[in-house]
Full PDB file with SEQRES, HELIX, SHEET, SSBOND, CRYST1, ORIGX, SCALE, CONECT and MASTER records, all heavy atoms in Angstrom:
SEQRES   1 A   39  PRO ASP ASP THR LEU ASP GLY THR LEU PRO ASP TRP HIS          
SEQRES   2 A   39  LEU ALA THR HIS VAL HIS PRO SER ILE GLU ARG ALA ARG          
SEQRES   3 A   39  TYR LEU PRO PHE LEU LEU ASP LYS LEU SER LEU VAL TYR          
HELIX    1 AA1 ASP A    2  LEU A    5  5                                   4    
HELIX    2 AA2 GLU A   23  TYR A   27  5                                   5    
HELIX    3 AA3 LEU A   28  ASP A   33  1                                   6    
SHEET    1 AA1 2 ALA A  15  THR A  16  0                                        
SHEET    2 AA1 2 LEU A  37  VAL A  38  1                                        
CRYST1    1.000    1.000    1.000  90.00  90.00  90.00 P 1           1          
ORIGX1      1.000000  0.000000  0.000000        0.00000                         
ORIGX2      0.000000  1.000000  0.000000        0.00000                         
ORIGX3      0.000000  0.000000  1.000000        0.00000                         
SCALE1      1.000000  0.000000  0.000000        0.00000                         
SCALE2      0.000000  1.000000  0.000000        0.00000                         
SCALE3      0.000000  0.000000  1.000000        0.00000                         
ATOM      1  N   PRO A   1       1.399 -72.583  -4.485  1.00  0.00           N  
ATOM      2  CA  PRO A   1       1.784 -71.920  -5.743  1.00  0.00           C  
ATOM      3  C   PRO A   1       0.567 -71.339  -6.461  1.00  0.00           C  
ATOM      4  O   PRO A   1      -0.512 -71.936  -6.484  1.00  0.00           O  
ATOM      5  CB  PRO A   1       2.410 -73.059  -6.560  1.00  0.00           C  
ATOM      6  CG  PRO A   1       2.844 -74.069  -5.548  1.00  0.00           C  
ATOM      7  CD  PRO A   1       1.835 -73.988  -4.440  1.00  0.00           C  
ATOM      8  N   ASP A   2       0.765 -70.164  -7.055  1.00  0.00           N  
ATOM      9  CA  ASP A   2      -0.351 -69.477  -7.714  1.00  0.00           C  
ATOM     10  C   ASP A   2      -0.978 -70.327  -8.809  1.00  0.00           C  
ATOM     11  O   ASP A   2      -2.204 -70.363  -8.947  1.00  0.00           O  
ATOM     12  CB  ASP A   2       0.135 -68.150  -8.311  1.00  0.00           C  
ATOM     13  CG  ASP A   2       0.480 -67.138  -7.232  1.00  0.00           C  
ATOM     14  OD1 ASP A   2       0.044 -67.317  -6.085  1.00  0.00           O  
ATOM     15  OD2 ASP A   2       1.185 -66.165  -7.544  1.00  0.00           O  
ATOM     16  N   ASP A   3      -0.155 -71.019  -9.597  1.00  0.00           N  
ATOM     17  CA  ASP A   3      -0.695 -71.719 -10.764  1.00  0.00           C  
ATOM     18  C   ASP A   3      -1.561 -72.917 -10.376  1.00  0.00           C  
ATOM     19  O   ASP A   3      -2.357 -73.399 -11.175  1.00  0.00           O  
ATOM     20  CB  ASP A   3       0.432 -72.148 -11.709  1.00  0.00           C  
ATOM     21  CG  ASP A   3       1.477 -73.026 -11.022  1.00  0.00           C  
ATOM     22  OD1 ASP A   3       1.319 -73.331  -9.828  1.00  0.00           O  
ATOM     23  OD2 ASP A   3       2.465 -73.393 -11.699  1.00  0.00           O  
ATOM     24  N   THR A   4      -1.436 -73.407  -9.134  1.00  0.00           N  
ATOM     25  CA  THR A   4      -2.261 -74.545  -8.735  1.00  0.00           C  
ATOM     26  C   THR A   4      -3.715 -74.147  -8.477  1.00  0.00           C  
ATOM     27  O   THR A   4      -4.596 -75.000  -8.431  1.00  0.00           O  
ATOM     28  CB  THR A   4      -1.703 -75.212  -7.468  1.00  0.00           C  
ATOM     29  OG1 THR A   4      -1.671 -74.242  -6.410  1.00  0.00           O  
ATOM     30  CG2 THR A   4      -0.300 -75.745  -7.706  1.00  0.00           C  
ATOM     31  N   LEU A   5      -3.958 -72.847  -8.317  1.00  0.00           N  
ATOM     32  CA  LEU A   5      -5.327 -72.379  -8.098  1.00  0.00           C  
ATOM     33  C   LEU A   5      -5.955 -71.789  -9.348  1.00  0.00           C  
ATOM     34  O   LEU A   5      -7.110 -71.379  -9.324  1.00  0.00           O  
ATOM     35  CB  LEU A   5      -5.345 -71.322  -6.984  1.00  0.00           C  
ATOM     36  CG  LEU A   5      -5.114 -71.838  -5.563  1.00  0.00           C  
ATOM     37  CD1 LEU A   5      -5.024 -70.673  -4.587  1.00  0.00           C  
ATOM     38  CD2 LEU A   5      -6.224 -72.788  -5.143  1.00  0.00           C  
ATOM     39  N   ASP A   6      -5.202 -71.719 -10.421  1.00  0.00           N  
ATOM     40  CA  ASP A   6      -5.737 -71.147 -11.659  1.00  0.00           C  
ATOM     41  C   ASP A   6      -6.982 -71.903 -12.109  1.00  0.00           C  
ATOM     42  O   ASP A   6      -6.984 -73.138 -12.213  1.00  0.00           O  
ATOM     43  CB  ASP A   6      -4.684 -71.206 -12.771  1.00  0.00           C  
ATOM     44  CG  ASP A   6      -3.549 -70.233 -12.549  1.00  0.00           C  
ATOM     45  OD1 ASP A   6      -3.706 -69.347 -11.693  1.00  0.00           O  
ATOM     46  OD2 ASP A   6      -2.494 -70.368 -13.218  1.00  0.00           O  
ATOM     47  N   GLY A   7      -8.038 -71.152 -12.348  1.00  0.00           N  
ATOM     48  CA  GLY A   7      -9.270 -71.747 -12.853  1.00  0.00           C  
ATOM     49  C   GLY A   7     -10.145 -72.391 -11.801  1.00  0.00           C  
ATOM     50  O   GLY A   7     -11.218 -72.914 -12.137  1.00  0.00           O  
ATOM     51  N   THR A   8      -9.722 -72.380 -10.527  1.00  0.00           N  
ATOM     52  CA  THR A   8     -10.521 -73.038  -9.496  1.00  0.00           C  
ATOM     53  C   THR A   8     -11.241 -72.043  -8.581  1.00  0.00           C  
ATOM     54  O   THR A   8     -12.221 -72.413  -7.939  1.00  0.00           O  
ATOM     55  CB  THR A   8      -9.649 -73.951  -8.613  1.00  0.00           C  
ATOM     56  OG1 THR A   8      -8.675 -73.148  -7.928  1.00  0.00           O  
ATOM     57  CG2 THR A   8      -8.928 -74.990  -9.459  1.00  0.00           C  
ATOM     58  N   LEU A   9     -10.766 -70.814  -8.502  1.00  0.00           N  
ATOM     59  CA  LEU A   9     -11.393 -69.847  -7.600  1.00  0.00           C  
ATOM     60  C   LEU A   9     -12.820 -69.541  -8.053  1.00  0.00           C  
ATOM     61  O   LEU A   9     -13.050 -69.241  -9.222  1.00  0.00           O  
ATOM     62  CB  LEU A   9     -10.586 -68.550  -7.557  1.00  0.00           C  
ATOM     63  CG  LEU A   9      -9.217 -68.597  -6.886  1.00  0.00           C  
ATOM     64  CD1 LEU A   9      -8.536 -67.244  -7.008  1.00  0.00           C  
ATOM     65  CD2 LEU A   9      -9.334 -69.010  -5.438  1.00  0.00           C  
ATOM     66  N   PRO A  10     -13.778 -69.600  -7.150  1.00  0.00           N  
ATOM     67  CA  PRO A  10     -15.156 -69.238  -7.520  1.00  0.00           C  
ATOM     68  C   PRO A  10     -15.240 -67.762  -7.902  1.00  0.00           C  
ATOM     69  O   PRO A  10     -14.399 -66.947  -7.501  1.00  0.00           O  
ATOM     70  CB  PRO A  10     -15.946 -69.507  -6.234  1.00  0.00           C  
ATOM     71  CG  PRO A  10     -15.074 -70.373  -5.395  1.00  0.00           C  
ATOM     72  CD  PRO A  10     -13.669 -70.031  -5.752  1.00  0.00           C  
ATOM     73  N   ASP A  11     -16.262 -67.427  -8.670  1.00  0.00           N  
ATOM     74  CA  ASP A  11     -16.510 -66.019  -8.973  1.00  0.00           C  
ATOM     75  C   ASP A  11     -16.781 -65.264  -7.681  1.00  0.00           C  
ATOM     76  O   ASP A  11     -17.535 -65.737  -6.822  1.00  0.00           O  
ATOM     77  CB  ASP A  11     -17.707 -65.870  -9.916  1.00  0.00           C  
ATOM     78  CG  ASP A  11     -17.367 -66.236 -11.348  1.00  0.00           C  
ATOM     79  OD1 ASP A  11     -16.168 -66.262 -11.676  1.00  0.00           O  
ATOM     80  OD2 ASP A  11     -18.301 -66.483 -12.122  1.00  0.00           O  
ATOM     81  N   TRP A  12     -16.138 -64.100  -7.545  1.00  0.00           N  
ATOM     82  CA  TRP A  12     -16.436 -63.262  -6.388  1.00  0.00           C  
ATOM     83  C   TRP A  12     -17.759 -62.548  -6.644  1.00  0.00           C  
ATOM     84  O   TRP A  12     -18.114 -62.244  -7.778  1.00  0.00           O  
ATOM     85  CB  TRP A  12     -15.316 -62.253  -6.156  1.00  0.00           C  
ATOM     86  CG  TRP A  12     -15.316 -61.703  -4.761  1.00  0.00           C  
ATOM     87  CD1 TRP A  12     -15.730 -60.471  -4.365  1.00  0.00           C  
ATOM     88  CD2 TRP A  12     -14.882 -62.374  -3.578  1.00  0.00           C  
ATOM     89  NE1 TRP A  12     -15.591 -60.336  -3.001  1.00  0.00           N  
ATOM     90  CE2 TRP A  12     -15.069 -61.491  -2.489  1.00  0.00           C  
ATOM     91  CE3 TRP A  12     -14.361 -63.657  -3.337  1.00  0.00           C  
ATOM     92  CZ2 TRP A  12     -14.746 -61.834  -1.180  1.00  0.00           C  
ATOM     93  CZ3 TRP A  12     -14.044 -63.995  -2.031  1.00  0.00           C  
ATOM     94  CH2 TRP A  12     -14.233 -63.089  -0.976  1.00  0.00           C  
ATOM     95  N   HIS A  13     -18.488 -62.281  -5.589  1.00  0.00           N  
ATOM     96  CA  HIS A  13     -19.865 -61.831  -5.718  1.00  0.00           C  
ATOM     97  C   HIS A  13     -20.010 -60.333  -5.927  1.00  0.00           C  
ATOM     98  O   HIS A  13     -20.942 -59.889  -6.607  1.00  0.00           O  
ATOM     99  CB  HIS A  13     -20.653 -62.240  -4.474  1.00  0.00           C  
ATOM    100  CG  HIS A  13     -19.990 -61.829  -3.198  1.00  0.00           C  
ATOM    101  ND1 HIS A  13     -18.893 -62.494  -2.705  1.00  0.00           N  
ATOM    102  CD2 HIS A  13     -20.234 -60.817  -2.337  1.00  0.00           C  
ATOM    103  CE1 HIS A  13     -18.499 -61.902  -1.581  1.00  0.00           C  
ATOM    104  NE2 HIS A  13     -19.285 -60.877  -1.346  1.00  0.00           N  
ATOM    105  N   LEU A  14     -19.098 -59.502  -5.353  1.00  0.00           N  
ATOM    106  CA  LEU A  14     -19.358 -58.060  -5.346  1.00  0.00           C  
ATOM    107  C   LEU A  14     -18.062 -57.265  -5.281  1.00  0.00           C  
ATOM    108  O   LEU A  14     -17.156 -57.607  -4.521  1.00  0.00           O  
ATOM    109  CB  LEU A  14     -20.232 -57.694  -4.132  1.00  0.00           C  
ATOM    110  CG  LEU A  14     -20.608 -56.222  -3.953  1.00  0.00           C  
ATOM    111  CD1 LEU A  14     -21.472 -55.732  -5.103  1.00  0.00           C  
ATOM    112  CD2 LEU A  14     -21.343 -56.029  -2.621  1.00  0.00           C  
ATOM    113  N   ALA A  15     -17.984 -56.229  -6.095  1.00  0.00           N  
ATOM    114  CA  ALA A  15     -16.907 -55.238  -6.030  1.00  0.00           C  
ATOM    115  C   ALA A  15     -17.547 -53.859  -5.993  1.00  0.00           C  
ATOM    116  O   ALA A  15     -18.477 -53.581  -6.743  1.00  0.00           O  
ATOM    117  CB  ALA A  15     -15.977 -55.363  -7.232  1.00  0.00           C  
ATOM    118  N   THR A  16     -17.046 -52.995  -5.109  1.00  0.00           N  
ATOM    119  CA  THR A  16     -17.583 -51.640  -4.985  1.00  0.00           C  
ATOM    120  C   THR A  16     -16.515 -50.629  -5.359  1.00  0.00           C  
ATOM    121  O   THR A  16     -15.385 -50.696  -4.873  1.00  0.00           O  
ATOM    122  CB  THR A  16     -18.066 -51.364  -3.547  1.00  0.00           C  
ATOM    123  OG1 THR A  16     -19.041 -52.347  -3.181  1.00  0.00           O  
ATOM    124  CG2 THR A  16     -18.703 -49.985  -3.450  1.00  0.00           C  
ATOM    125  N   HIS A  17     -16.884 -49.699  -6.217  1.00  0.00           N  
ATOM    126  CA  HIS A  17     -15.974 -48.655  -6.689  1.00  0.00           C  
ATOM    127  C   HIS A  17     -16.326 -47.373  -5.954  1.00  0.00           C  
ATOM    128  O   HIS A  17     -17.465 -46.897  -6.032  1.00  0.00           O  
ATOM    129  CB  HIS A  17     -16.113 -48.484  -8.202  1.00  0.00           C  
ATOM    130  CG  HIS A  17     -15.914 -49.766  -8.955  1.00  0.00           C  
ATOM    131  ND1 HIS A  17     -14.735 -50.091  -9.578  1.00  0.00           N  
ATOM    132  CD2 HIS A  17     -16.752 -50.831  -9.152  1.00  0.00           C  
ATOM    133  CE1 HIS A  17     -14.845 -51.287 -10.140  1.00  0.00           C  
ATOM    134  NE2 HIS A  17     -16.066 -51.751  -9.892  1.00  0.00           N  
ATOM    135  N   VAL A  18     -15.364 -46.801  -5.244  1.00  0.00           N  
ATOM    136  CA  VAL A  18     -15.660 -45.692  -4.343  1.00  0.00           C  
ATOM    137  C   VAL A  18     -14.828 -44.465  -4.695  1.00  0.00           C  
ATOM    138  O   VAL A  18     -13.754 -44.557  -5.285  1.00  0.00           O  
ATOM    139  CB  VAL A  18     -15.387 -46.091  -2.871  1.00  0.00           C  
ATOM    140  CG1 VAL A  18     -16.227 -47.283  -2.467  1.00  0.00           C  
ATOM    141  CG2 VAL A  18     -13.906 -46.385  -2.655  1.00  0.00           C  
ATOM    142  N   HIS A  19     -15.369 -43.331  -4.321  1.00  0.00           N  
ATOM    143  CA  HIS A  19     -14.629 -42.068  -4.320  1.00  0.00           C  
ATOM    144  C   HIS A  19     -14.250 -41.834  -2.863  1.00  0.00           C  
ATOM    145  O   HIS A  19     -15.078 -41.367  -2.067  1.00  0.00           O  
ATOM    146  CB  HIS A  19     -15.497 -40.934  -4.864  1.00  0.00           C  
ATOM    147  CG  HIS A  19     -14.789 -39.623  -4.953  1.00  0.00           C  
ATOM    148  ND1 HIS A  19     -13.733 -39.405  -5.803  1.00  0.00           N  
ATOM    149  CD2 HIS A  19     -14.972 -38.461  -4.276  1.00  0.00           C  
ATOM    150  CE1 HIS A  19     -13.307 -38.160  -5.659  1.00  0.00           C  
ATOM    151  NE2 HIS A  19     -14.037 -37.567  -4.729  1.00  0.00           N  
ATOM    152  N   PRO A  20     -13.020 -42.169  -2.445  1.00  0.00           N  
ATOM    153  CA  PRO A  20     -12.702 -42.228  -1.018  1.00  0.00           C  
ATOM    154  C   PRO A  20     -12.586 -40.854  -0.373  1.00  0.00           C  
ATOM    155  O   PRO A  20     -12.175 -39.880  -0.999  1.00  0.00           O  
ATOM    156  CB  PRO A  20     -11.353 -42.953  -0.993  1.00  0.00           C  
ATOM    157  CG  PRO A  20     -10.741 -42.657  -2.317  1.00  0.00           C  
ATOM    158  CD  PRO A  20     -11.880 -42.556  -3.292  1.00  0.00           C  
ATOM    159  N   SER A  21     -12.971 -40.804   0.890  1.00  0.00           N  
ATOM    160  CA  SER A  21     -12.806 -39.610   1.699  1.00  0.00           C  
ATOM    161  C   SER A  21     -12.915 -40.031   3.153  1.00  0.00           C  
ATOM    162  O   SER A  21     -13.417 -41.120   3.470  1.00  0.00           O  
ATOM    163  CB  SER A  21     -13.877 -38.565   1.376  1.00  0.00           C  
ATOM    164  OG  SER A  21     -15.155 -39.019   1.790  1.00  0.00           O  
ATOM    165  N   ILE A  22     -12.441 -39.169   4.046  1.00  0.00           N  
ATOM    166  CA  ILE A  22     -12.560 -39.459   5.474  1.00  0.00           C  
ATOM    167  C   ILE A  22     -14.021 -39.662   5.849  1.00  0.00           C  
ATOM    168  O   ILE A  22     -14.392 -40.582   6.588  1.00  0.00           O  
ATOM    169  CB  ILE A  22     -11.953 -38.313   6.308  1.00  0.00           C  
ATOM    170  CG1 ILE A  22     -10.429 -38.243   6.101  1.00  0.00           C  
ATOM    171  CG2 ILE A  22     -12.294 -38.486   7.783  1.00  0.00           C  
ATOM    172  CD1 ILE A  22      -9.667 -39.389   6.691  1.00  0.00           C  
ATOM    173  N   GLU A  23     -14.892 -38.808   5.311  1.00  0.00           N  
ATOM    174  CA  GLU A  23     -16.310 -38.883   5.652  1.00  0.00           C  
ATOM    175  C   GLU A  23     -16.931 -40.204   5.194  1.00  0.00           C  
ATOM    176  O   GLU A  23     -17.800 -40.759   5.879  1.00  0.00           O  
ATOM    177  CB  GLU A  23     -17.072 -37.707   5.023  1.00  0.00           C  
ATOM    178  CG  GLU A  23     -16.716 -36.337   5.597  1.00  0.00           C  
ATOM    179  CD  GLU A  23     -15.339 -35.856   5.142  1.00  0.00           C  
ATOM    180  OE1 GLU A  23     -14.843 -36.346   4.087  1.00  0.00           O  
ATOM    181  OE2 GLU A  23     -14.753 -35.006   5.832  1.00  0.00           O  
ATOM    182  N   ARG A  24     -16.499 -40.711   4.041  1.00  0.00           N  
ATOM    183  CA  ARG A  24     -17.108 -41.930   3.508  1.00  0.00           C  
ATOM    184  C   ARG A  24     -16.581 -43.194   4.178  1.00  0.00           C  
ATOM    185  O   ARG A  24     -17.102 -44.284   3.931  1.00  0.00           O  
ATOM    186  CB  ARG A  24     -16.895 -42.011   1.996  1.00  0.00           C  
ATOM    187  CG  ARG A  24     -17.737 -40.992   1.236  1.00  0.00           C  
ATOM    188  CD  ARG A  24     -17.813 -41.302  -0.236  1.00  0.00           C  
ATOM    189  NE  ARG A  24     -18.783 -40.426  -0.883  1.00  0.00           N  
ATOM    190  CZ  ARG A  24     -19.278 -40.637  -2.094  1.00  0.00           C  
ATOM    191  NH1 ARG A  24     -18.885 -41.687  -2.791  1.00  0.00           N  
ATOM    192  NH2 ARG A  24     -20.157 -39.804  -2.610  1.00  0.00           N  
ATOM    193  N   ALA A  25     -15.571 -43.069   5.023  1.00  0.00           N  
ATOM    194  CA  ALA A  25     -15.081 -44.245   5.740  1.00  0.00           C  
ATOM    195  C   ALA A  25     -16.172 -44.856   6.608  1.00  0.00           C  
ATOM    196  O   ALA A  25     -16.150 -46.060   6.889  1.00  0.00           O  
ATOM    197  CB  ALA A  25     -13.877 -43.871   6.594  1.00  0.00           C  
ATOM    198  N   ARG A  26     -17.155 -44.065   7.002  1.00  0.00           N  
ATOM    199  CA  ARG A  26     -18.233 -44.587   7.844  1.00  0.00           C  
ATOM    200  C   ARG A  26     -19.080 -45.623   7.108  1.00  0.00           C  
ATOM    201  O   ARG A  26     -19.840 -46.377   7.738  1.00  0.00           O  
ATOM    202  CB  ARG A  26     -19.116 -43.441   8.334  1.00  0.00           C  
ATOM    203  CG  ARG A  26     -19.800 -42.672   7.236  1.00  0.00           C  
ATOM    204  CD  ARG A  26     -20.519 -41.443   7.753  1.00  0.00           C  
ATOM    205  NE  ARG A  26     -21.665 -41.783   8.567  1.00  0.00           N  
ATOM    206  CZ  ARG A  26     -22.743 -41.002   8.661  1.00  0.00           C  
ATOM    207  NH1 ARG A  26     -22.804 -39.864   8.009  1.00  0.00           N  
ATOM    208  NH2 ARG A  26     -23.749 -41.366   9.412  1.00  0.00           N  
ATOM    209  N   TYR A  27     -18.971 -45.671   5.778  1.00  0.00           N  
ATOM    210  CA  TYR A  27     -19.774 -46.629   5.019  1.00  0.00           C  
ATOM    211  C   TYR A  27     -19.027 -47.924   4.709  1.00  0.00           C  
ATOM    212  O   TYR A  27     -19.621 -48.865   4.186  1.00  0.00           O  
ATOM    213  CB  TYR A  27     -20.273 -45.976   3.724  1.00  0.00           C  
ATOM    214  CG  TYR A  27     -21.083 -44.746   4.026  1.00  0.00           C  
ATOM    215  CD1 TYR A  27     -20.630 -43.480   3.682  1.00  0.00           C  
ATOM    216  CD2 TYR A  27     -22.288 -44.845   4.714  1.00  0.00           C  
ATOM    217  CE1 TYR A  27     -21.359 -42.340   3.996  1.00  0.00           C  
ATOM    218  CE2 TYR A  27     -23.014 -43.716   5.043  1.00  0.00           C  
ATOM    219  CZ  TYR A  27     -22.548 -42.468   4.686  1.00  0.00           C  
ATOM    220  OH  TYR A  27     -23.265 -41.359   5.019  1.00  0.00           O  
ATOM    221  N   LEU A  28     -17.735 -47.983   5.036  1.00  0.00           N  
ATOM    222  CA  LEU A  28     -16.989 -49.218   4.791  1.00  0.00           C  
ATOM    223  C   LEU A  28     -17.560 -50.417   5.556  1.00  0.00           C  
ATOM    224  O   LEU A  28     -17.581 -51.534   5.009  1.00  0.00           O  
ATOM    225  CB  LEU A  28     -15.514 -49.021   5.125  1.00  0.00           C  
ATOM    226  CG  LEU A  28     -14.698 -48.264   4.073  1.00  0.00           C  
ATOM    227  CD1 LEU A  28     -13.304 -47.949   4.592  1.00  0.00           C  
ATOM    228  CD2 LEU A  28     -14.613 -49.054   2.773  1.00  0.00           C  
ATOM    229  N   PRO A  29     -18.012 -50.279   6.805  1.00  0.00           N  
ATOM    230  CA  PRO A  29     -18.590 -51.457   7.472  1.00  0.00           C  
ATOM    231  C   PRO A  29     -19.743 -52.086   6.704  1.00  0.00           C  
ATOM    232  O   PRO A  29     -19.914 -53.313   6.729  1.00  0.00           O  
ATOM    233  CB  PRO A  29     -19.058 -50.898   8.828  1.00  0.00           C  
ATOM    234  CG  PRO A  29     -18.154 -49.742   9.084  1.00  0.00           C  
ATOM    235  CD  PRO A  29     -17.919 -49.132   7.731  1.00  0.00           C  
ATOM    236  N   PHE A  30     -20.534 -51.295   5.991  1.00  0.00           N  
ATOM    237  CA  PHE A  30     -21.638 -51.850   5.212  1.00  0.00           C  
ATOM    238  C   PHE A  30     -21.110 -52.664   4.030  1.00  0.00           C  
ATOM    239  O   PHE A  30     -21.688 -53.687   3.666  1.00  0.00           O  
ATOM    240  CB  PHE A  30     -22.543 -50.724   4.708  1.00  0.00           C  
ATOM    241  CG  PHE A  30     -23.196 -49.937   5.807  1.00  0.00           C  
ATOM    242  CD1 PHE A  30     -22.666 -48.737   6.236  1.00  0.00           C  
ATOM    243  CD2 PHE A  30     -24.349 -50.412   6.422  1.00  0.00           C  
ATOM    244  CE1 PHE A  30     -23.262 -48.000   7.244  1.00  0.00           C  
ATOM    245  CE2 PHE A  30     -24.959 -49.692   7.440  1.00  0.00           C  
ATOM    246  CZ  PHE A  30     -24.414 -48.486   7.857  1.00  0.00           C  
ATOM    247  N   LEU A  31     -20.014 -52.207   3.419  1.00  0.00           N  
ATOM    248  CA  LEU A  31     -19.421 -52.953   2.314  1.00  0.00           C  
ATOM    249  C   LEU A  31     -18.775 -54.238   2.819  1.00  0.00           C  
ATOM    250  O   LEU A  31     -18.892 -55.301   2.193  1.00  0.00           O  
ATOM    251  CB  LEU A  31     -18.377 -52.090   1.596  1.00  0.00           C  
ATOM    252  CG  LEU A  31     -18.854 -50.742   1.054  1.00  0.00           C  
ATOM    253  CD1 LEU A  31     -17.730 -50.057   0.283  1.00  0.00           C  
ATOM    254  CD2 LEU A  31     -20.084 -50.904   0.174  1.00  0.00           C  
ATOM    255  N   LEU A  32     -18.086 -54.152   3.955  1.00  0.00           N  
ATOM    256  CA  LEU A  32     -17.403 -55.328   4.486  1.00  0.00           C  
ATOM    257  C   LEU A  32     -18.402 -56.362   4.996  1.00  0.00           C  
ATOM    258  O   LEU A  32     -18.105 -57.559   5.010  1.00  0.00           O  
ATOM    259  CB  LEU A  32     -16.445 -54.917   5.595  1.00  0.00           C  
ATOM    260  CG  LEU A  32     -15.368 -53.905   5.198  1.00  0.00           C  
ATOM    261  CD1 LEU A  32     -14.376 -53.701   6.335  1.00  0.00           C  
ATOM    262  CD2 LEU A  32     -14.642 -54.341   3.936  1.00  0.00           C  
ATOM    263  N   ASP A  33     -19.568 -55.924   5.415  1.00  0.00           N  
ATOM    264  CA  ASP A  33     -20.607 -56.866   5.828  1.00  0.00           C  
ATOM    265  C   ASP A  33     -20.953 -57.820   4.698  1.00  0.00           C  
ATOM    266  O   ASP A  33     -21.317 -58.975   4.938  1.00  0.00           O  
ATOM    267  CB  ASP A  33     -21.847 -56.097   6.276  1.00  0.00           C  
ATOM    268  CG  ASP A  33     -22.970 -57.012   6.727  1.00  0.00           C  
ATOM    269  OD1 ASP A  33     -22.705 -57.905   7.558  1.00  0.00           O  
ATOM    270  OD2 ASP A  33     -24.107 -56.839   6.267  1.00  0.00           O  
ATOM    271  N   LYS A  34     -20.810 -57.359   3.455  1.00  0.00           N  
ATOM    272  CA  LYS A  34     -21.078 -58.203   2.288  1.00  0.00           C  
ATOM    273  C   LYS A  34     -19.794 -58.770   1.692  1.00  0.00           C  
ATOM    274  O   LYS A  34     -19.815 -59.358   0.607  1.00  0.00           O  
ATOM    275  CB  LYS A  34     -21.821 -57.393   1.222  1.00  0.00           C  
ATOM    276  CG  LYS A  34     -23.134 -56.792   1.708  1.00  0.00           C  
ATOM    277  CD  LYS A  34     -23.777 -55.949   0.629  1.00  0.00           C  
ATOM    278  CE  LYS A  34     -25.060 -55.317   1.126  1.00  0.00           C  
ATOM    279  NZ  LYS A  34     -24.847 -54.324   2.186  1.00  0.00           N  
ATOM    280  N   LEU A  35     -18.666 -58.567   2.377  1.00  0.00           N  
ATOM    281  CA  LEU A  35     -17.360 -58.994   1.868  1.00  0.00           C  
ATOM    282  C   LEU A  35     -17.125 -58.456   0.456  1.00  0.00           C  
ATOM    283  O   LEU A  35     -16.651 -59.173  -0.435  1.00  0.00           O  
ATOM    284  CB  LEU A  35     -17.229 -60.522   1.882  1.00  0.00           C  
ATOM    285  CG  LEU A  35     -16.809 -61.154   3.197  1.00  0.00           C  
ATOM    286  CD1 LEU A  35     -16.615 -62.653   3.022  1.00  0.00           C  
ATOM    287  CD2 LEU A  35     -15.545 -60.535   3.767  1.00  0.00           C  
ATOM    288  N   SER A  36     -17.461 -57.201   0.249  1.00  0.00           N  
ATOM    289  CA  SER A  36     -17.213 -56.582  -1.050  1.00  0.00           C  
ATOM    290  C   SER A  36     -15.743 -56.233  -1.189  1.00  0.00           C  
ATOM    291  O   SER A  36     -15.099 -55.774  -0.240  1.00  0.00           O  
ATOM    292  CB  SER A  36     -18.047 -55.309  -1.194  1.00  0.00           C  
ATOM    293  OG  SER A  36     -17.737 -54.639  -2.401  1.00  0.00           O  
ATOM    294  N   LEU A  37     -15.195 -56.462  -2.369  1.00  0.00           N  
ATOM    295  CA  LEU A  37     -13.902 -55.888  -2.708  1.00  0.00           C  
ATOM    296  C   LEU A  37     -14.085 -54.383  -2.884  1.00  0.00           C  
ATOM    297  O   LEU A  37     -15.179 -53.920  -3.216  1.00  0.00           O  
ATOM    298  CB  LEU A  37     -13.361 -56.503  -3.996  1.00  0.00           C  
ATOM    299  CG  LEU A  37     -13.178 -58.029  -3.992  1.00  0.00           C  
ATOM    300  CD1 LEU A  37     -12.798 -58.517  -5.389  1.00  0.00           C  
ATOM    301  CD2 LEU A  37     -12.132 -58.447  -2.979  1.00  0.00           C  
ATOM    302  N   VAL A  38     -13.023 -53.614  -2.676  1.00  0.00           N  
ATOM    303  CA  VAL A  38     -13.101 -52.159  -2.808  1.00  0.00           C  
ATOM    304  C   VAL A  38     -12.066 -51.687  -3.813  1.00  0.00           C  
ATOM    305  O   VAL A  38     -10.880 -52.026  -3.711  1.00  0.00           O  
ATOM    306  CB  VAL A  38     -12.875 -51.461  -1.454  1.00  0.00           C  
ATOM    307  CG1 VAL A  38     -12.855 -49.941  -1.627  1.00  0.00           C  
ATOM    308  CG2 VAL A  38     -13.971 -51.855  -0.460  1.00  0.00           C  
ATOM    309  N   TYR A  39     -12.530 -50.924  -4.794  1.00  0.00           N  
ATOM    310  CA  TYR A  39     -11.669 -50.325  -5.817  1.00  0.00           C  
ATOM    311  C   TYR A  39     -11.873 -48.813  -5.809  1.00  0.00           C  
ATOM    312  O   TYR A  39     -12.951 -48.329  -5.459  1.00  0.00           O  
ATOM    313  CB  TYR A  39     -12.012 -50.865  -7.211  1.00  0.00           C  
ATOM    314  CG  TYR A  39     -11.706 -52.322  -7.418  1.00  0.00           C  
ATOM    315  CD1 TYR A  39     -12.617 -53.306  -7.031  1.00  0.00           C  
ATOM    316  CD2 TYR A  39     -10.511 -52.733  -8.014  1.00  0.00           C  
ATOM    317  CE1 TYR A  39     -12.338 -54.655  -7.223  1.00  0.00           C  
ATOM    318  CE2 TYR A  39     -10.227 -54.084  -8.210  1.00  0.00           C  
ATOM    319  CZ  TYR A  39     -11.147 -55.035  -7.811  1.00  0.00           C  
ATOM    320  OH  TYR A  39     -10.862 -56.363  -7.996  1.00  0.00           O  
TER     321      TYR A  39                                                      
MASTER        0    0    0    3    2    0    0    6  320    1    0    3          
END                                                                             
């Protein structure tokens, strides 16, 4: 249940905000190497 994890999740380390395009997909492996969230 969602409420059982409230307040226990550690802070996530990194979020990356991108302007997406086919060409920029080549840079996703670098973001995923750091387990970055993508917005």
